[in-house]
Amino acid sequence: MLRKIPSSRAMLAFEAAARHGNFARAAQELSLTEGAISRQIARLESMLNCRLFDRSGSRVTLNSVGARYADQIRESLDRLERDTQSVIGVPEGGKTLEIAALPTFSCRWLIPRLKSFYTLYPEISVNIAARTDPFILAGSGFDAVIHFDHPAWAGMHMQFLFQETLLPVCHPALLKNKKESVPLNELPRIHRLQNPQAWQYYAQETGIELDNPAQGVRYDLHEMSIAAALSVQGVALVPRIYVEKELTNGELIAPWPESASLSKNFHLIKPASTGINETALHAFEQWLMTEINPKA
């Protein structure tokens, strides 16, 4: 049966126009005329038998149907591009894994260790995409995800990897010329936007007094908080697993207790059926477990 799918030109024109909210800027991005963009979208609307944009004179505004469709098209185009890139350049007999993972975990733990994986499995390429929020794995184009517990993973196979625990760290210069027992309350604190109450919970758990637990700068990622701590901006409450190297070489210090309750369990999340990449994914999983628990 013939699939009812818009042309790639129509999808690209619509996605660009929806993203820019402007036909002229979409035309400039795609090296087309504004008229060409308008015609492609008109053909798309005719095929769908509905309007995607509300028009008022020369102005166009994405309507509710168009906004929802734009999100879906963008996701489809992203996946198509990712699938295409995963095939380009793969040697004959080679295999490719598409892995989604949290950005800080990827940069600070996973990627620096991948050299040992490639030594063991030179025929397997591991492509990594950053995903901060949980998502529906089925149909996403990813073979697996490294993430924390979440209802989005319902029905998936979950292999426990490690427990993330938070630890206050700072640059040694922050305590220079101060007493070793300087109260944490007197030091600037660094927050993570996605966990704004972490310092409050930490104070309650440890009994350390903080007059205003919410006071301090806020950053989106743990990677940003660590960078701020390294630049002597304050004390960051971050996972120990991300700063082991800096604690070992003295770039960061941790004179305060680690949190026992501020923790998350991280897993390798896989579909119930891993398909043609089952062997490669099994190798990746076993390597992960060995890297996390080398003495196991």
Protein backbone atom coordinates (compact mmCIF):
# COMPACT_ATOMS: atom_id res chain seq x y z
CA MET A 1 0.00 0.00 0.00
CA LEU A 2 1.29 3.44 -0.92
CA ARG A 3 2.34 5.40 2.18
CA LYS A 4 0.78 8.81 2.71
CA ILE A 5 3.98 10.73 3.48
CA PRO A 6 4.77 14.36 2.57
CA SER A 7 7.78 15.08 0.40
CA SER A 8 11.06 15.82 2.12
CA ARG A 9 11.01 19.32 0.62
CA ALA A 10 7.61 20.02 2.16
CA MET A 11 8.67 18.69 5.58
CA LEU A 12 11.91 20.70 5.58
CA ALA A 13 10.10 23.87 4.49
CA PHE A 14 7.40 23.46 7.13
CA GLU A 15 9.84 22.65 9.95
CA ALA A 16 12.01 25.67 9.16
CA ALA A 17 9.00 28.00 8.85
CA ALA A 18 7.54 26.69 12.11
CA ARG A 19 10.86 27.09 13.93
CA HIS A 20 11.47 30.62 12.67
CA GLY A 21 7.83 31.69 12.68
CA ASN A 22 8.61 33.38 9.41
CA PHE A 23 8.59 32.22 5.76
CA ALA A 24 11.33 34.64 4.71
CA ARG A 25 13.81 33.41 7.32
CA ALA A 26 12.95 29.80 6.47
CA ALA A 27 13.64 30.57 2.81
CA GLN A 28 16.99 32.13 3.67
CA GLU A 29 18.02 29.10 5.74
CA LEU A 30 17.10 26.63 2.99
CA SER A 31 18.43 28.79 0.12
CA LEU A 32 14.97 29.03 -1.44
CA THR A 33 12.64 31.86 -2.31
CA GLU A 34 9.87 32.87 0.05
CA GLY A 35 7.40 31.88 -2.67
CA ALA A 36 8.86 28.37 -2.81
CA ILE A 37 8.41 27.98 0.96
CA SER A 38 4.82 29.21 0.70
CA ARG A 39 4.04 26.77 -2.13
CA GLN A 40 5.53 23.79 -0.28
CA ILE A 41 3.49 24.57 2.82
CA ALA A 42 0.34 25.11 0.75
CA ARG A 43 0.83 21.66 -0.82
CA LEU A 44 1.39 20.15 2.62
CA GLU A 45 -1.78 21.77 3.97
CA SER A 46 -3.70 20.53 0.92
CA MET A 47 -2.47 16.99 1.50
CA LEU A 48 -3.40 17.15 5.19
CA ASN A 49 -6.69 18.89 4.43
CA CYS A 50 -6.13 21.37 7.26
CA ARG A 51 -4.39 24.65 7.96
CA LEU A 52 -1.07 24.66 9.80
CA PHE A 53 -0.66 28.44 9.88
CA ASP A 54 -3.16 31.21 10.52
CA ARG A 55 -2.71 33.96 7.94
CA SER A 56 -3.46 37.65 8.41
CA GLY A 57 -2.30 39.71 5.45
CA SER A 58 1.43 39.05 5.04
CA ARG A 59 1.76 37.66 8.56
CA VAL A 60 1.60 33.95 9.42
CA THR A 61 1.21 32.35 12.84
CA LEU A 62 1.50 28.66 13.64
CA ASN A 63 -1.86 27.37 14.94
CA SER A 64 -2.35 24.61 17.55
CA VAL A 65 -2.53 21.83 14.96
CA GLY A 66 0.57 23.17 13.23
CA ALA A 67 2.48 23.46 16.50
CA ARG A 68 1.81 19.82 17.38
CA TYR A 69 2.66 18.65 13.87
CA ALA A 70 5.86 20.73 13.88
CA ASP A 71 7.08 18.94 17.01
CA GLN A 72 6.35 15.56 15.42
CA ILE A 73 8.00 16.46 12.12
CA ARG A 74 11.06 17.84 13.89
CA GLU A 75 11.45 14.61 15.85
CA SER A 76 11.06 12.55 12.67
CA LEU A 77 13.62 14.64 10.79
CA ASP A 78 16.08 14.45 13.69
CA ARG A 79 15.74 10.69 13.77
CA LEU A 80 16.10 10.40 9.99
CA GLU A 81 19.26 12.51 10.09
CA ARG A 82 20.66 10.49 13.00
CA ASP A 83 19.89 7.19 11.26
CA THR A 84 21.53 8.45 8.06
CA GLN A 85 24.64 9.68 9.85
CA SER A 86 24.93 6.36 11.69
CA VAL A 87 25.26 4.55 8.35
CA ILE A 88 27.63 7.00 6.64
CA GLY A 89 31.24 5.92 7.10
CA VAL A 90 30.53 2.62 8.85
CA PRO A 91 33.06 0.08 7.54
CA GLU A 92 31.85 -3.19 6.04
CA GLY A 93 31.06 -5.60 8.84
CA GLY A 94 30.99 -2.80 11.41
CA LYS A 95 28.22 -2.16 13.91
CA THR A 96 26.84 1.05 15.37
CA LEU A 97 25.11 1.70 18.68
CA GLU A 98 22.94 4.74 19.30
CA ILE A 99 23.07 5.61 23.01
CA ALA A 100 21.27 8.45 24.79
CA ALA A 101 22.72 9.62 28.09
CA LEU A 102 22.76 12.52 30.50
CA PRO A 103 25.16 15.24 29.30
CA THR A 104 27.40 15.46 32.38
CA PHE A 105 27.63 11.69 32.71
CA SER A 106 28.60 11.49 29.03
CA CYS A 107 31.30 14.17 29.22
CA ARG A 108 32.78 13.39 32.61
CA TRP A 109 32.53 9.63 32.85
CA LEU A 110 31.44 7.76 29.72
CA ILE A 111 33.33 9.37 26.83
CA PRO A 112 36.74 9.50 28.59
CA ARG A 113 36.49 5.72 29.14
CA LEU A 114 35.32 4.71 25.65
CA LYS A 115 38.87 4.22 24.39
CA SER A 116 39.06 0.98 26.36
CA PHE A 117 35.78 -0.17 24.79
CA TYR A 118 37.11 0.47 21.28
CA THR A 119 40.26 -1.46 22.14
CA LEU A 120 38.10 -4.47 22.96
CA TYR A 121 35.53 -3.95 20.19
CA PRO A 122 37.07 -1.94 17.32
CA GLU A 123 34.22 -2.99 15.01
CA ILE A 124 31.56 -1.25 17.15
CA SER A 125 31.00 2.51 16.96
CA VAL A 126 29.12 4.13 19.84
CA ASN A 127 27.23 7.31 18.97
CA ILE A 128 26.12 9.31 22.01
CA ALA A 129 23.36 11.91 22.18
CA ALA A 130 22.65 14.06 25.23
CA ARG A 131 19.19 13.69 26.74
CA THR A 132 18.46 15.54 29.97
CA ASP A 133 14.81 14.56 30.32
CA PRO A 134 13.37 11.03 30.20
CA PHE A 135 11.53 10.13 26.98
CA ILE A 136 9.72 7.25 25.33
CA LEU A 137 12.45 4.88 24.16
CA ALA A 138 10.31 2.86 21.75
CA GLY A 139 10.50 4.39 18.29
CA SER A 140 13.14 6.95 19.32
CA GLY A 141 15.93 5.45 17.22
CA PHE A 142 18.12 4.78 20.25
CA ASP A 143 19.37 1.31 21.14
CA ALA A 144 19.60 2.14 24.83
CA VAL A 145 19.61 4.95 27.38
CA ILE A 146 21.74 5.63 30.44
CA HIS A 147 19.46 7.50 32.81
CA PHE A 148 17.83 7.50 36.25
CA ASP A 149 14.61 5.79 37.32
CA HIS A 150 11.48 7.20 35.69
CA PRO A 151 7.99 5.99 34.67
CA ALA A 152 8.89 6.69 31.03
CA TRP A 153 10.95 3.49 31.07
CA ALA A 154 7.96 1.27 31.93
CA GLY A 155 8.14 -2.04 30.06
CA MET A 156 11.85 -1.63 29.28
CA HIS A 157 14.66 -3.85 30.54
CA MET A 158 16.66 -1.98 33.21
CA GLN A 159 20.16 -2.92 34.29
CA PHE A 160 21.26 -1.15 37.48
CA LEU A 161 24.59 0.65 37.05
CA PHE A 162 25.30 2.83 40.08
CA GLN A 163 23.80 5.06 42.75
CA GLU A 164 24.46 8.76 42.29
CA THR A 165 25.13 10.49 45.62
CA LEU A 166 25.69 14.22 46.05
CA LEU A 167 28.72 15.80 47.70
CA PRO A 168 29.53 19.48 48.40
CA VAL A 169 32.82 20.41 46.70
CA CYS A 170 34.78 23.61 46.17
CA HIS A 171 38.13 24.87 44.95
CA PRO A 172 40.78 24.97 47.72
CA ALA A 173 41.25 28.71 47.07
CA LEU A 174 37.71 29.33 48.35
CA LEU A 175 38.87 28.38 51.85
CA LYS A 176 42.29 30.03 51.60
CA ASN A 177 43.01 32.38 54.51
CA LYS A 178 39.88 31.08 56.23
CA LYS A 179 39.63 28.82 59.21
CA GLU A 180 39.32 25.13 58.39
CA SER A 181 36.06 25.06 60.31
CA VAL A 182 34.50 27.92 58.30
CA PRO A 183 30.74 27.33 58.30
CA LEU A 184 29.22 26.27 54.99
CA ASN A 185 26.64 28.96 55.67
CA GLU A 186 29.28 31.64 55.09
CA LEU A 187 30.28 30.40 51.65
CA PRO A 188 28.52 31.10 48.31
CA ARG A 189 26.50 28.13 47.12
CA ILE A 190 25.92 26.87 43.59
CA HIS A 191 22.56 25.35 42.64
CA ARG A 192 21.31 23.14 39.83
CA LEU A 193 18.15 24.41 38.16
CA GLN A 194 16.59 20.96 37.95
CA ASN A 195 17.06 20.30 41.66
CA PRO A 196 16.48 23.69 43.34
CA GLN A 197 15.78 22.27 46.82
CA ALA A 198 18.89 20.10 47.03
CA TRP A 199 20.72 22.40 49.46
CA GLN A 200 17.64 22.60 51.69
CA TYR A 201 17.38 18.81 51.84
CA TYR A 202 21.12 18.54 52.42
CA ALA A 203 20.92 20.93 55.39
CA GLN A 204 18.01 18.99 56.88
CA GLU A 205 19.79 15.66 56.46
CA THR A 206 23.19 16.69 57.81
CA GLY A 207 22.06 19.20 60.43
CA ILE A 208 24.32 21.86 58.88
CA GLU A 209 22.75 25.26 59.40
CA LEU A 210 21.99 27.29 56.28
CA ASP A 211 20.17 30.59 56.86
CA ASN A 212 18.87 30.71 53.30
CA PRO A 213 19.35 27.36 51.51
CA ALA A 214 18.03 28.78 48.22
CA GLN A 215 20.59 31.59 48.05
CA GLY A 216 23.19 31.37 45.30
CA VAL A 217 23.64 31.16 41.54
CA ARG A 218 21.85 28.53 39.45
CA TYR A 219 23.10 26.46 36.54
CA ASP A 220 21.30 23.99 34.30
CA LEU A 221 23.75 21.07 34.34
CA HIS A 222 26.06 19.43 36.87
CA GLU A 223 28.86 20.10 34.35
CA MET A 224 28.18 23.83 34.70
CA SER A 225 28.13 23.64 38.50
CA ILE A 226 31.46 21.80 38.49
CA ALA A 227 32.96 24.44 36.17
CA ALA A 228 31.72 27.14 38.55
CA ALA A 229 33.28 25.39 41.54
CA LEU A 230 36.58 24.99 39.69
CA SER A 231 36.58 28.73 38.98
CA VAL A 232 36.20 29.49 42.71
CA GLN A 233 32.61 30.72 42.46
CA GLY A 234 31.35 28.72 45.42
CA VAL A 235 30.40 25.30 46.75
CA ALA A 236 28.63 22.94 44.33
CA LEU A 237 26.49 19.98 45.39
CA VAL A 238 27.35 17.43 42.69
CA PRO A 239 27.61 13.65 42.19
CA ARG A 240 30.88 12.27 43.51
CA ILE A 241 31.26 10.06 40.43
CA TYR A 242 31.72 13.17 38.26
CA VAL A 243 34.52 14.77 40.31
CA GLU A 244 36.67 11.82 41.42
CA LYS A 245 39.61 12.99 39.29
CA GLU A 246 39.48 16.57 40.62
CA LEU A 247 39.23 15.31 44.22
CA THR A 248 42.21 13.01 43.68
CA ASN A 249 44.47 15.66 42.15
CA GLY A 250 43.40 18.39 44.58
CA GLU A 251 41.62 20.67 42.12
CA LEU A 252 38.53 20.28 44.29
CA ILE A 253 38.12 19.47 47.95
CA ALA A 254 35.18 18.07 49.92
CA PRO A 255 35.48 18.91 53.64
CA TRP A 256 31.76 18.33 54.24
CA PRO A 257 29.82 15.06 54.56
CA GLU A 258 28.35 13.27 51.58
CA SER A 259 24.56 13.07 51.36
CA ALA A 260 22.98 9.69 52.02
CA SER A 261 19.45 10.53 50.92
CA LEU A 262 20.08 12.84 47.94
CA SER A 263 20.68 10.05 45.49
CA LYS A 264 19.35 8.51 42.28
CA ASN A 265 19.73 5.05 40.83
CA PHE A 266 21.13 4.97 37.31
CA HIS A 267 20.38 2.21 34.84
CA LEU A 268 21.11 1.10 31.32
CA ILE A 269 17.62 1.03 29.81
CA LYS A 270 17.01 -1.25 26.83
CA PRO A 271 13.94 -2.29 24.84
CA ALA A 272 12.53 -5.73 25.65
CA SER A 273 13.78 -6.80 22.22
CA THR A 274 17.12 -5.32 21.14
CA GLY A 275 16.93 -6.48 17.51
CA ILE A 276 19.90 -6.67 15.18
CA ASN A 277 22.19 -4.82 17.61
CA GLU A 278 21.71 -7.34 20.42
CA THR A 279 25.29 -8.64 20.31
CA ALA A 280 26.85 -5.16 20.19
CA LEU A 281 24.58 -3.88 22.96
CA HIS A 282 25.40 -6.88 25.14
CA ALA A 283 29.11 -6.16 24.69
CA PHE A 284 28.56 -2.51 25.62
CA GLU A 285 26.54 -3.48 28.71
CA GLN A 286 29.19 -5.92 29.93
CA TRP A 287 31.92 -3.32 29.40
CA LEU A 288 29.90 -0.75 31.35
CA MET A 289 29.44 -3.11 34.29
CA THR A 290 33.17 -3.85 34.36
CA GLU A 291 34.10 -0.15 34.26
CA ILE A 292 31.68 0.69 37.08
CA ASN A 293 32.58 -2.35 39.22
CA PRO A 294 36.14 -3.33 38.22
CA LYS A 295 36.55 -5.56 41.29
CA ALA A 296 33.24 -7.39 40.86
